[in-house]
PDB file of N, CA and C in Angstrom:
ATOM      1  N   MET A   1     -44.312 100.689 -18.349  1.00  0.00           N
ATOM      2  CA  MET A   1     -43.988 100.726 -19.819  1.00  0.00           C
ATOM      3  C   MET A   1     -44.547 101.692 -20.637  1.00  0.00           C
ATOM      4  N   ASN A   2     -43.868 102.798 -21.393  1.00  0.00           N
ATOM      5  CA  ASN A   2     -44.377 102.911 -22.498  1.00  0.00           C
ATOM      6  C   ASN A   2     -43.699 102.092 -23.812  1.00  0.00           C
ATOM      7  N   PRO A   3     -44.716 102.730 -24.685  1.00  0.00           N
ATOM      8  CA  PRO A   3     -44.231 101.894 -25.996  1.00  0.00           C
ATOM      9  C   PRO A   3     -42.683 102.158 -26.227  1.00  0.00           C
ATOM     10  N   LEU A   4     -42.347 103.316 -26.159  1.00  0.00           N
ATOM     11  CA  LEU A   4     -40.805 103.338 -26.924  1.00  0.00           C
ATOM     12  C   LEU A   4     -40.117 102.150 -26.147  1.00  0.00           C
ATOM     13  N   SER A   5     -40.217 102.097 -24.693  1.00  0.00           N
ATOM     14  CA  SER A   5     -39.292 101.329 -23.942  1.00  0.00           C
ATOM     15  C   SER A   5     -39.287 100.163 -24.830  1.00  0.00           C
ATOM     16  N   MET A   6     -40.924  99.662 -24.762  1.00  0.00           N
ATOM     17  CA  MET A   6     -40.824  98.419 -25.553  1.00  0.00           C
ATOM     18  C   MET A   6     -39.833  98.032 -26.612  1.00  0.00           C
ATOM     19  N   ASN A   7     -40.163  98.824 -27.486  1.00  0.00           N
ATOM     20  CA  ASN A   7     -39.929  98.383 -28.323  1.00  0.00           C
ATOM     21  C   ASN A   7     -38.518  98.763 -28.829  1.00  0.00           C
ATOM     22  N   THR A   8     -37.439  99.411 -27.755  1.00  0.00           N
ATOM     23  CA  THR A   8     -36.512  99.537 -27.739  1.00  0.00           C
ATOM     24  C   THR A   8     -35.709  98.373 -26.957  1.00  0.00           C
ATOM     25  N   THR A   9     -36.335  97.518 -26.342  1.00  0.00           N
ATOM     26  CA  THR A   9     -36.273  96.224 -25.903  1.00  0.00           C
ATOM     27  C   THR A   9     -36.632  94.929 -26.243  1.00  0.00           C
ATOM     28  N   LEU A  10     -37.388  95.542 -27.092  1.00  0.00           N
ATOM     29  CA  LEU A  10     -37.595  94.160 -28.537  1.00  0.00           C
ATOM     30  C   LEU A  10     -36.477  94.233 -29.363  1.00  0.00           C
ATOM     31  N   SER A  11     -36.263  95.404 -30.188  1.00  0.00           N
ATOM     32  CA  SER A  11     -34.998  95.846 -30.540  1.00  0.00           C
ATOM     33  C   SER A  11     -33.755  95.251 -30.156  1.00  0.00           C
ATOM     34  N   ALA A  12     -33.267  95.193 -29.020  1.00  0.00           N
ATOM     35  CA  ALA A  12     -31.928  94.555 -28.477  1.00  0.00           C
ATOM     36  C   ALA A  12     -32.287  93.338 -28.520  1.00  0.00           C
ATOM     37  N   LEU A  13     -33.620  92.560 -28.210  1.00  0.00           N
ATOM     38  CA  LEU A  13     -33.313  91.510 -28.076  1.00  0.00           C
ATOM     39  C   LEU A  13     -33.274  90.760 -29.504  1.00  0.00           C
ATOM     40  N   HIS A  14     -34.010  91.227 -30.271  1.00  0.00           N
ATOM     41  CA  HIS A  14     -33.869  90.839 -31.778  1.00  0.00           C
ATOM     42  C   HIS A  14     -32.175  91.169 -32.169  1.00  0.00           C
ATOM     43  N   ALA A  15     -31.308  91.594 -31.816  1.00  0.00           N
ATOM     44  CA  ALA A  15     -29.679  92.311 -31.838  1.00  0.00           C
ATOM     45  C   ALA A  15     -29.204  91.177 -31.184  1.00  0.00           C
ATOM     46  N   ALA A  16     -29.375  91.032 -29.917  1.00  0.00           N
ATOM     47  CA  ALA A  16     -28.821  90.125 -29.341  1.00  0.00           C
ATOM     48  C   ALA A  16     -29.049  88.588 -29.800  1.00  0.00           C
ATOM     49  N   ALA A  17     -30.291  88.142 -30.356  1.00  0.00           N
ATOM     50  CA  ALA A  17     -30.624  86.806 -30.358  1.00  0.00           C
ATOM     51  C   ALA A  17     -29.525  86.457 -32.192  1.00  0.00           C
ATOM     52  N   ARG A  18     -29.509  87.451 -32.994  1.00  0.00           N
ATOM     53  CA  ARG A  18     -28.398  87.667 -34.338  1.00  0.00           C
ATOM     54  C   ARG A  18     -27.030  87.542 -33.876  1.00  0.00           C
ATOM     55  N   SER A  19     -26.733  88.114 -32.863  1.00  0.00           N
ATOM     56  CA  SER A  19     -25.402  87.785 -32.597  1.00  0.00           C
ATOM     57  C   SER A  19     -25.101  86.615 -31.819  1.00  0.00           C
ATOM     58  N   ALA A  20     -26.027  86.014 -31.303  1.00  0.00           N
ATOM     59  CA  ALA A  20     -25.778  84.703 -30.377  1.00  0.00           C
ATOM     60  C   ALA A  20     -25.798  83.970 -31.266  1.00  0.00           C
ATOM     61  N   GLY A  21     -26.115  84.462 -32.861  1.00  0.00           N
ATOM     62  CA  GLY A  21     -26.100  82.952 -33.535  1.00  0.00           C
ATOM     63  C   GLY A  21     -27.575  82.413 -33.775  1.00  0.00           C
ATOM     64  N   ALA A  22     -28.730  83.134 -33.151  1.00  0.00           N
ATOM     65  CA  ALA A  22     -29.872  82.152 -33.268  1.00  0.00           C
ATOM     66  C   ALA A  22     -30.648  82.949 -34.833  1.00  0.00           C
ATOM     67  N   GLY A  23     -30.043  82.905 -35.903  1.00  0.00           N
ATOM     68  CA  GLY A  23     -30.420  83.194 -36.942  1.00  0.00           C
ATOM     69  C   GLY A  23     -30.977  81.941 -37.621  1.00  0.00           C
ATOM     70  N   GLU A  24     -31.327  80.970 -37.194  1.00  0.00           N
ATOM     71  CA  GLU A  24     -31.867  79.292 -37.658  1.00  0.00           C
ATOM     72  C   GLU A  24     -33.226  79.739 -37.650  1.00  0.00           C
ATOM     73  N   ALA A  25     -34.157  78.828 -37.899  1.00  0.00           N
ATOM     74  CA  ALA A  25     -35.799  79.048 -38.343  1.00  0.00           C
ATOM     75  C   ALA A  25     -36.221  80.000 -37.363  1.00  0.00           C
ATOM     76  N   GLY A  26     -35.928  80.170 -35.764  1.00  0.00           N
ATOM     77  CA  GLY A  26     -36.606  80.406 -35.039  1.00  0.00           C
ATOM     78  C   GLY A  26     -36.530  82.060 -34.976  1.00  0.00           C
ATOM     79  N   ASP A  27     -35.727  82.885 -34.977  1.00  0.00           N
ATOM     80  CA  ASP A  27     -35.177  84.219 -35.643  1.00  0.00           C
ATOM     81  C   ASP A  27     -35.848  84.677 -36.797  1.00  0.00           C
ATOM     82  N   VAL A  28     -36.018  83.748 -37.356  1.00  0.00           N
ATOM     83  CA  VAL A  28     -36.711  84.330 -38.705  1.00  0.00           C
ATOM     84  C   VAL A  28     -38.395  84.064 -38.654  1.00  0.00           C
ATOM     85  N   THR A  29     -38.676  83.503 -37.548  1.00  0.00           N
ATOM     86  CA  THR A  29     -40.169  83.739 -37.561  1.00  0.00           C
ATOM     87  C   THR A  29     -40.884  84.636 -36.560  1.00  0.00           C
ATOM     88  N   VAL A  30     -39.717  85.051 -35.643  1.00  0.00           N
ATOM     89  CA  VAL A  30     -39.784  86.480 -34.309  1.00  0.00           C
ATOM     90  C   VAL A  30     -39.865  87.462 -35.420  1.00  0.00           C
ATOM     91  N   ALA A  31     -38.889  87.679 -36.363  1.00  0.00           N
ATOM     92  CA  ALA A  31     -38.525  89.067 -37.335  1.00  0.00           C
ATOM     93  C   ALA A  31     -40.157  89.407 -38.080  1.00  0.00           C
ATOM     94  N   GLY A  32     -40.404  88.176 -38.732  1.00  0.00           N
ATOM     95  CA  GLY A  32     -41.596  88.344 -39.458  1.00  0.00           C
ATOM     96  C   GLY A  32     -42.185  88.739 -39.021  1.00  0.00           C
ATOM     97  N   ALA A  33     -43.268  88.026 -37.916  1.00  0.00           N
ATOM     98  CA  ALA A  33     -44.286  87.930 -37.141  1.00  0.00           C
ATOM     99  C   ALA A  33     -44.489  89.671 -36.562  1.00  0.00           C
ATOM    100  N   ALA A  34     -42.996  89.861 -36.363  1.00  0.00           N
ATOM    101  CA  ALA A  34     -42.885  91.253 -35.384  1.00  0.00           C
ATOM    102  C   ALA A  34     -43.100  92.160 -36.470  1.00  0.00           C
ATOM    103  N   GLY A  35     -41.896  92.316 -37.911  1.00  0.00           N
ATOM    104  CA  GLY A  35     -42.163  93.499 -38.691  1.00  0.00           C
ATOM    105  C   GLY A  35     -43.748  93.465 -39.560  1.00  0.00           C
ATOM    106  N   SER A  36     -44.069  92.273 -39.312  1.00  0.00           N
ATOM    107  CA  SER A  36     -45.035  92.397 -40.217  1.00  0.00           C
ATOM    108  C   SER A  36     -47.106  92.857 -39.601  1.00  0.00           C
ATOM    109  N   GLY A  37     -46.599  92.833 -38.058  1.00  0.00           N
ATOM    110  CA  GLY A  37     -47.576  93.048 -37.888  1.00  0.00           C
ATOM    111  C   GLY A  37     -48.216  91.988 -36.979  1.00  0.00           C
ATOM    112  N   GLY A  38     -47.871  90.710 -36.934  1.00  0.00           N
ATOM    113  CA  GLY A  38     -48.479  89.577 -36.582  1.00  0.00           C
ATOM    114  C   GLY A  38     -48.539  89.673 -35.189  1.00  0.00           C
ATOM    115  N   ASP A  39     -49.566  88.895 -34.547  1.00  0.00           N
ATOM    116  CA  ASP A  39     -49.795  88.853 -33.527  1.00  0.00           C
ATOM    117  C   ASP A  39     -48.339  88.452 -32.632  1.00  0.00           C
ATOM    118  N   PHE A  40     -48.753  88.633 -31.240  1.00  0.00           N
ATOM    119  CA  PHE A  40     -47.662  88.309 -30.350  1.00  0.00           C
ATOM    120  C   PHE A  40     -47.720  86.991 -29.684  1.00  0.00           C
ATOM    121  N   ALA A  41     -48.463  86.781 -29.837  1.00  0.00           N
ATOM    122  CA  ALA A  41     -48.610  85.098 -28.867  1.00  0.00           C
ATOM    123  C   ALA A  41     -47.755  83.858 -30.028  1.00  0.00           C
ATOM    124  N   ALA A  42     -47.737  84.309 -31.861  1.00  0.00           N
ATOM    125  CA  ALA A  42     -46.817  83.888 -32.439  1.00  0.00           C
ATOM    126  C   ALA A  42     -45.545  84.257 -32.584  1.00  0.00           C
ATOM    127  N   ALA A  43     -45.321  85.167 -32.273  1.00  0.00           N
ATOM    128  CA  ALA A  43     -43.882  86.274 -32.183  1.00  0.00           C
ATOM    129  C   ALA A  43     -43.186  85.266 -30.742  1.00  0.00           C
ATOM    130  N   LEU A  44     -44.082  85.047 -29.678  1.00  0.00           N
ATOM    131  CA  LEU A  44     -43.878  84.573 -28.557  1.00  0.00           C
ATOM    132  C   LEU A  44     -43.246  82.920 -28.862  1.00  0.00           C
ATOM    133  N   LYS A  45     -44.288  82.205 -29.576  1.00  0.00           N
ATOM    134  CA  LYS A  45     -44.230  80.932 -29.378  1.00  0.00           C
ATOM    135  C   LYS A  45     -42.738  80.516 -30.452  1.00  0.00           C
ATOM    136  N   GLY A  46     -42.609  81.338 -31.736  1.00  0.00           N
ATOM    137  CA  GLY A  46     -41.339  81.253 -32.041  1.00  0.00           C
ATOM    138  C   GLY A  46     -40.147  81.803 -31.424  1.00  0.00           C
ATOM    139  N   ALA A  47     -40.008  82.759 -30.681  1.00  0.00           N
ATOM    140  CA  ALA A  47     -39.068  82.677 -29.855  1.00  0.00           C
ATOM    141  C   ALA A  47     -38.608  81.795 -28.374  1.00  0.00           C
ATOM    142  N   LEU A  48     -39.676  81.481 -28.306  1.00  0.00           N
ATOM    143  CA  LEU A  48     -39.152  80.278 -27.264  1.00  0.00           C
ATOM    144  C   LEU A  48     -39.062  78.981 -28.362  1.00  0.00           C
ATOM    145  N   ASP A  49     -39.789  78.571 -29.525  1.00  0.00           N
ATOM    146  CA  ASP A  49     -39.382  77.435 -30.012  1.00  0.00           C
ATOM    147  C   ASP A  49     -37.518  77.583 -30.322  1.00  0.00           C
ATOM    148  N   ALA A  50     -37.378  78.835 -30.714  1.00  0.00           N
ATOM    149  CA  ALA A  50     -36.326  78.920 -31.047  1.00  0.00           C
ATOM    150  C   ALA A  50     -34.912  78.651 -29.628  1.00  0.00           C
ATOM    151  N   VAL A  51     -35.175  79.178 -28.603  1.00  0.00           N
ATOM    152  CA  VAL A  51     -34.558  78.989 -27.191  1.00  0.00           C
ATOM    153  C   VAL A  51     -34.263  77.128 -27.096  1.00  0.00           C
ATOM    154  N   SER A  52     -35.583  76.584 -27.494  1.00  0.00           N
ATOM    155  CA  SER A  52     -35.685  74.773 -27.104  1.00  0.00           C
ATOM    156  C   SER A  52     -34.426  74.298 -27.967  1.00  0.00           C
ATOM    157  N   ALA A  53     -34.957  74.658 -29.520  1.00  0.00           N
ATOM    158  CA  ALA A  53     -33.960  74.270 -30.346  1.00  0.00           C
ATOM    159  C   ALA A  53     -32.559  74.414 -29.978  1.00  0.00           C
ATOM    160  N   ARG A  54     -32.196  75.494 -29.399  1.00  0.00           N
ATOM    161  CA  ARG A  54     -30.631  75.826 -29.100  1.00  0.00           C
ATOM    162  C   ARG A  54     -30.147  74.974 -28.715  1.00  0.00           C
ATOM    163  N   GLN A  55     -31.209  75.177 -27.126  1.00  0.00           N
ATOM    164  CA  GLN A  55     -31.056  74.124 -25.969  1.00  0.00           C
ATOM    165  C   GLN A  55     -31.026  73.080 -25.963  1.00  0.00           C
ATOM    166  N   ASP A  56     -31.584  72.593 -27.419  1.00  0.00           N
ATOM    167  CA  ASP A  56     -31.172  70.962 -27.558  1.00  0.00           C
ATOM    168  C   ASP A  56     -30.202  70.564 -28.283  1.00  0.00           C
ATOM    169  N   HIS A  57     -29.665  71.387 -29.372  1.00  0.00           N
ATOM    170  CA  HIS A  57     -28.856  71.446 -30.077  1.00  0.00           C
ATOM    171  C   HIS A  57     -27.542  71.604 -29.203  1.00  0.00           C
ATOM    172  N   ALA A  58     -27.493  72.418 -28.497  1.00  0.00           N
ATOM    173  CA  ALA A  58     -25.796  71.901 -27.517  1.00  0.00           C
ATOM    174  C   ALA A  58     -26.424  70.949 -26.588  1.00  0.00           C
ATOM    175  N   ALA A  59     -27.339  70.411 -26.466  1.00  0.00           N
ATOM    176  CA  ALA A  59     -27.778  69.009 -25.676  1.00  0.00           C
ATOM    177  C   ALA A  59     -27.087  67.972 -26.877  1.00  0.00           C
ATOM    178  N   GLN A  60     -27.273  68.198 -27.349  1.00  0.00           N
ATOM    179  CA  GLN A  60     -26.874  66.637 -28.547  1.00  0.00           C
ATOM    180  C   GLN A  60     -24.975  66.915 -28.959  1.00  0.00           C
ATOM    181  N   LEU A  61     -24.811  68.362 -28.905  1.00  0.00           N
ATOM    182  CA  LEU A  61     -23.349  68.192 -28.946  1.00  0.00           C
ATOM    183  C   LEU A  61     -22.636  67.816 -27.839  1.00  0.00           C
ATOM    184  N   ALA A  62     -23.390  67.998 -26.520  1.00  0.00           N
ATOM    185  CA  ALA A  62     -22.515  67.860 -25.012  1.00  0.00           C
ATOM    186  C   ALA A  62     -22.544  66.024 -25.447  1.00  0.00           C
ATOM    187  N   LYS A  63     -23.885  65.349 -25.426  1.00  0.00           N
ATOM    188  CA  LYS A  63     -23.779  64.171 -25.790  1.00  0.00           C
ATOM    189  C   LYS A  63     -22.562  63.375 -26.382  1.00  0.00           C
ATOM    190  N   GLY A  64     -23.285  64.168 -28.062  1.00  0.00           N
ATOM    191  CA  GLY A  64     -21.752  63.851 -28.738  1.00  0.00           C
ATOM    192  C   GLY A  64     -19.933  63.686 -28.382  1.00  0.00           C
ATOM    193  N   PHE A  65     -19.920  64.619 -27.958  1.00  0.00           N
ATOM    194  CA  PHE A  65     -18.711  65.046 -27.019  1.00  0.00           C
ATOM    195  C   PHE A  65     -18.527  64.117 -26.213  1.00  0.00           C
ATOM    196  N   GLU A  66     -19.637  63.738 -25.066  1.00  0.00           N
ATOM    197  CA  GLU A  66     -19.109  62.780 -24.423  1.00  0.00           C
ATOM    198  C   GLU A  66     -19.182  61.143 -24.426  1.00  0.00           C
ATOM    199  N   LEU A  67     -19.435  60.590 -25.735  1.00  0.00           N
ATOM    200  CA  LEU A  67     -19.402  60.018 -26.173  1.00  0.00           C
ATOM    201  C   LEU A  67     -18.315  60.081 -27.533  1.00  0.00           C
ATOM    202  N   GLY A  68     -17.912  60.229 -27.286  1.00  0.00           N
ATOM    203  CA  GLY A  68     -16.486  60.596 -28.544  1.00  0.00           C
ATOM    204  C   GLY A  68     -16.961  60.368 -29.830  1.00  0.00           C
ATOM    205  N   ASP A  69     -17.677  61.499 -30.242  1.00  0.00           N
ATOM    206  CA  ASP A  69     -17.924  61.114 -31.581  1.00  0.00           C
ATOM    207  C   ASP A  69     -17.420  61.899 -32.964  1.00  0.00           C
ATOM    208  N   GLY A  70     -16.590  62.536 -32.318  1.00  0.00           N
ATOM    209  CA  GLY A  70     -15.819  63.752 -33.075  1.00  0.00           C
ATOM    210  C   GLY A  70     -16.050  64.872 -32.730  1.00  0.00           C
ATOM    211  N   THR A  71     -16.757  65.227 -31.854  1.00  0.00           N
ATOM    212  CA  THR A  71     -17.439  66.777 -31.560  1.00  0.00           C
ATOM    213  C   THR A  71     -15.946  67.548 -30.702  1.00  0.00           C
ATOM    214  N   ASP A  72     -15.624  68.899 -31.223  1.00  0.00           N
ATOM    215  CA  ASP A  72     -14.758  69.307 -30.394  1.00  0.00           C
ATOM    216  C   ASP A  72     -15.250  70.182 -29.507  1.00  0.00           C
ATOM    217  N   LEU A  73     -14.361  70.097 -28.261  1.00  0.00           N
ATOM    218  CA  LEU A  73     -14.844  71.039 -27.170  1.00  0.00           C
ATOM    219  C   LEU A  73     -14.831  72.316 -26.917  1.00  0.00           C
ATOM    220  N   PRO A  74     -14.453  73.202 -27.738  1.00  0.00           N
ATOM    221  CA  PRO A  74     -15.248  74.358 -27.829  1.00  0.00           C
ATOM    222  C   PRO A  74     -16.392  74.262 -28.492  1.00  0.00           C
ATOM    223  N   GLU A  75     -16.591  73.616 -29.633  1.00  0.00           N
ATOM    224  CA  GLU A  75     -17.850  74.016 -30.077  1.00  0.00           C
ATOM    225  C   GLU A  75     -19.210  73.854 -29.604  1.00  0.00           C
ATOM    226  N   VAL A  76     -18.787  72.539 -28.295  1.00  0.00           N
ATOM    227  CA  VAL A  76     -19.624  72.363 -27.313  1.00  0.00           C
ATOM    228  C   VAL A  76     -20.324  73.277 -26.567  1.00  0.00           C
ATOM    229  N   MET A  77     -18.985  74.057 -25.990  1.00  0.00           N
ATOM    230  CA  MET A  77     -18.588  74.750 -25.002  1.00  0.00           C
ATOM    231  C   MET A  77     -19.445  76.443 -24.940  1.00  0.00           C
ATOM    232  N   ILE A  78     -19.177  76.736 -26.380  1.00  0.00           N
ATOM    233  CA  ILE A  78     -19.361  77.635 -27.514  1.00  0.00           C
ATOM    234  C   ILE A  78     -21.260  77.556 -27.140  1.00  0.00           C
ATOM    235  N   ASN A  79     -21.519  76.327 -27.705  1.00  0.00           N
ATOM    236  CA  ASN A  79     -22.917  76.617 -27.881  1.00  0.00           C
ATOM    237  C   ASN A  79     -23.539  76.127 -26.489  1.00  0.00           C
ATOM    238  N   MET A  80     -23.255  75.932 -25.763  1.00  0.00           N
ATOM    239  CA  MET A  80     -23.842  76.079 -24.402  1.00  0.00           C
ATOM    240  C   MET A  80     -24.100  77.082 -23.719  1.00  0.00           C
ATOM    241  N   GLN A  81     -23.245  78.057 -23.761  1.00  0.00           N
ATOM    242  CA  GLN A  81     -22.917  79.000 -23.581  1.00  0.00           C
ATOM    243  C   GLN A  81     -24.479  80.360 -24.314  1.00  0.00           C
ATOM    244  N   LYS A  82     -24.546  79.583 -25.516  1.00  0.00           N
ATOM    245  CA  LYS A  82     -24.997  80.471 -26.501  1.00  0.00           C
ATOM    246  C   LYS A  82     -26.302  80.405 -26.136  1.00  0.00           C
ATOM    247  N   ALA A  83     -26.600  79.154 -25.753  1.00  0.00           N
ATOM    248  CA  ALA A  83     -28.164  78.289 -24.982  1.00  0.00           C
ATOM    249  C   ALA A  83     -27.890  79.080 -23.847  1.00  0.00           C
ATOM    250  N   ARG A  84     -27.673  79.215 -22.524  1.00  0.00           N
ATOM    251  CA  ARG A  84     -27.490  79.686 -21.828  1.00  0.00           C
ATOM    252  C   ARG A  84     -28.466  81.125 -21.634  1.00  0.00           C
ATOM    253  N   LEU A  85     -27.525  81.565 -22.640  1.00  0.00           N
ATOM    254  CA  LEU A  85     -27.532  83.199 -22.958  1.00  0.00           C
ATOM    255  C   LEU A  85     -29.090  83.281 -23.181  1.00  0.00           C
ATOM    256  N   ALA A  86     -29.429  83.060 -24.196  1.00  0.00           N
ATOM    257  CA  ALA A  86     -30.779  82.518 -25.029  1.00  0.00           C
ATOM    258  C   ALA A  86     -31.986  82.450 -23.993  1.00  0.00           C
ATOM    259  N   PHE A  87     -31.507  81.491 -23.089  1.00  0.00           N
ATOM    260  CA  PHE A  87     -31.802  81.182 -21.743  1.00  0.00           C
ATOM    261  C   PHE A  87     -32.860  82.471 -20.900  1.00  0.00           C
ATOM    262  N   GLN A  88     -31.245  83.197 -20.694  1.00  0.00           N
ATOM    263  CA  GLN A  88     -31.350  84.269 -19.449  1.00  0.00           C
ATOM    264  C   GLN A  88     -32.208  85.239 -19.981  1.00  0.00           C
ATOM    265  N   THR A  89     -31.952  85.420 -21.878  1.00  0.00           N
ATOM    266  CA  THR A  89     -32.841  86.480 -22.275  1.00  0.00           C
ATOM    267  C   THR A  89     -34.329  86.486 -22.116  1.00  0.00           C
ATOM    268  N   THR A  90     -34.552  85.036 -22.324  1.00  0.00           N
ATOM    269  CA  THR A  90     -36.369  84.917 -22.079  1.00  0.00           C
ATOM    270  C   THR A  90     -35.997  85.174 -20.317  1.00  0.00           C
ATOM    271  N   MET A  91     -35.975  84.633 -20.036  1.00  0.00           N
ATOM    272  CA  MET A  91     -35.949  84.462 -18.701  1.00  0.00           C
ATOM    273  C   MET A  91     -36.008  86.349 -18.486  1.00  0.00           C
ATOM    274  N   GLN A  92     -35.592  87.224 -18.696  1.00  0.00           N
ATOM    275  CA  GLN A  92     -35.320  88.307 -18.593  1.00  0.00           C
ATOM    276  C   GLN A  92     -36.702  89.443 -19.039  1.00  0.00           C
ATOM    277  N   VAL A  93     -37.150  88.929 -20.514  1.00  0.00           N
ATOM    278  CA  VAL A  93     -37.976  89.579 -21.207  1.00  0.00           C
ATOM    279  C   VAL A  93     -39.664  89.336 -20.606  1.00  0.00           C
ATOM    280  N   ARG A  94     -39.310  87.755 -19.988  1.00  0.00           N
ATOM    281  CA  ARG A  94     -40.507  86.988 -19.304  1.00  0.00           C
ATOM    282  C   ARG A  94     -40.594  87.990 -17.513  1.00  0.00           C
ATOM    283  N   ASN A  95     -39.483  88.368 -17.366  1.00  0.00           N
ATOM    284  CA  ASN A  95     -39.364  89.255 -15.863  1.00  0.00           C
ATOM    285  C   ASN A  95     -40.091  91.029 -16.348  1.00  0.00           C
ATOM    286  N   LYS A  96     -39.449  91.115 -17.401  1.00  0.00           N
ATOM    287  CA  LYS A  96     -40.067  92.308 -18.000  1.00  0.00           C
ATOM    288  C   LYS A  96     -41.907  92.588 -18.152  1.00  0.00           C
ATOM    289  N   LEU A  97     -42.336  91.358 -18.897  1.00  0.00           N
ATOM    290  CA  LEU A  97     -43.431  91.358 -19.076  1.00  0.00           C
ATOM    291  C   LEU A  97     -44.197  90.985 -18.006  1.00  0.00           C
ATOM    292  N   VAL A  98     -44.358  90.220 -16.434  1.00  0.00           N
ATOM    293  CA  VAL A  98     -44.774  90.568 -15.770  1.00  0.00           C
ATOM    294  C   VAL A  98     -44.742  91.614 -14.865  1.00  0.00           C
ATOM    295  N   ALA A  99     -43.575  92.121 -15.163  1.00  0.00           N
ATOM    296  CA  ALA A  99     -43.774  93.653 -14.620  1.00  0.00           C
ATOM    297  C   ALA A  99     -44.645  94.495 -15.229  1.00  0.00           C
ATOM    298  N   ALA A 100     -44.307  94.340 -16.201  1.00  0.00           N
ATOM    299  CA  ALA A 100     -45.700  95.545 -16.909  1.00  0.00           C
ATOM    300  C   ALA A 100     -47.045  95.036 -16.480  1.00  0.00           C
ATOM    301  N   TYR A 101     -47.427  93.632 -16.756  1.00  0.00           N
ATOM    302  CA  TYR A 101     -48.425  93.145 -16.372  1.00  0.00           C
ATOM    303  C   TYR A 101     -49.194  93.911 -15.026  1.00  0.00           C
ATOM    304  N   GLN A 102     -48.204  93.604 -14.158  1.00  0.00           N
ATOM    305  CA  GLN A 102     -48.134  94.211 -12.682  1.00  0.00           C
ATOM    306  C   GLN A 102     -48.685  95.411 -12.806  1.00  0.00           C
ATOM    307  N   ASP A 103     -48.018  96.482 -13.539  1.00  0.00           N
ATOM    308  CA  ASP A 103     -48.169  97.386 -13.468  1.00  0.00           C
ATOM    309  C   ASP A 103     -49.661  98.140 -13.704  1.00  0.00           C
ATOM    310  N   ILE A 104     -50.069  97.381 -14.950  1.00  0.00           N
ATOM    311  CA  ILE A 104     -50.786  97.586 -15.435  1.00  0.00           C
ATOM    312  C   ILE A 104     -52.441  97.321 -15.057  1.00  0.00           C
ATOM    313  N   MET A 105     -52.117  96.376 -14.124  1.00  0.00           N
ATOM    314  CA  MET A 105     -53.469  95.761 -13.118  1.00  0.00           C
ATOM    315  C   MET A 105     -53.201  96.627 -11.879  1.00  0.00           C
ATOM    316  N   ASN A 106     -52.266  97.311 -11.541  1.00  0.00           N
ATOM    317  CA  ASN A 106     -52.201  98.196  -9.870  1.00  0.00           C
ATOM    318  C   ASN A 106     -52.801  99.847 -10.454  1.00  0.00           C
ATOM    319  N   MET A 107     -52.835  99.855 -11.753  1.00  0.00           N
ATOM    320  CA  MET A 107     -53.193 101.329 -12.069  1.00  0.00           C
ATOM    321  C   MET A 107     -54.916 101.444 -11.237  1.00  0.00           C
ATOM    322  N   PRO A 108     -55.184 102.526 -11.331  1.00  0.00           N
ATOM    323  CA  PRO A 108     -56.124 102.907 -10.348  1.00  0.00           C
ATOM    324  C   PRO A 108     -57.175 103.113 -11.770  1.00  0.00           C
ATOM    325  N   LEU A 109     -58.519 102.694 -11.805  1.00  0.00           N
ATOM    326  CA  LEU A 109     -59.759 103.300 -12.493  1.00  0.00           C
ATOM    327  C   LEU A 109     -59.877 104.374 -12.947  1.00  0.00           C
TER     328      LEU A 109
END
C-alpha cells in the first residue's frame, strides 16, 4: 500500500466520520493528532474511543426507549445505524492495516 493510498483512505475515513455525526470529542482528537503529526497510537486510540462512545450512546438510547423514558424510535434507530457504520468502518481499517502489515512482512530483503 503506497502512502498516497493510505492518505486517501484516512481522508475518506475522516470525511465519513464527520458525515456520520462523529463530531464529538473523539473526532477532534483524531483530526488534531493526524494534522499536527501526532503519533499513530494516539490517533488510533482516539478513533477507537469515539467508536466505543458512539456504541455506548446508542445502547443507552435503546435502553431508554425500552424503559419508556421518552426517547423516540427514529432517534434510537439512527444512532444505532451510526454506531454500526462506525464499527464497520473501524473493521475495514483494521483489515487494511493487517493486509498492509502482511504485505510488508512478505517483502523479500
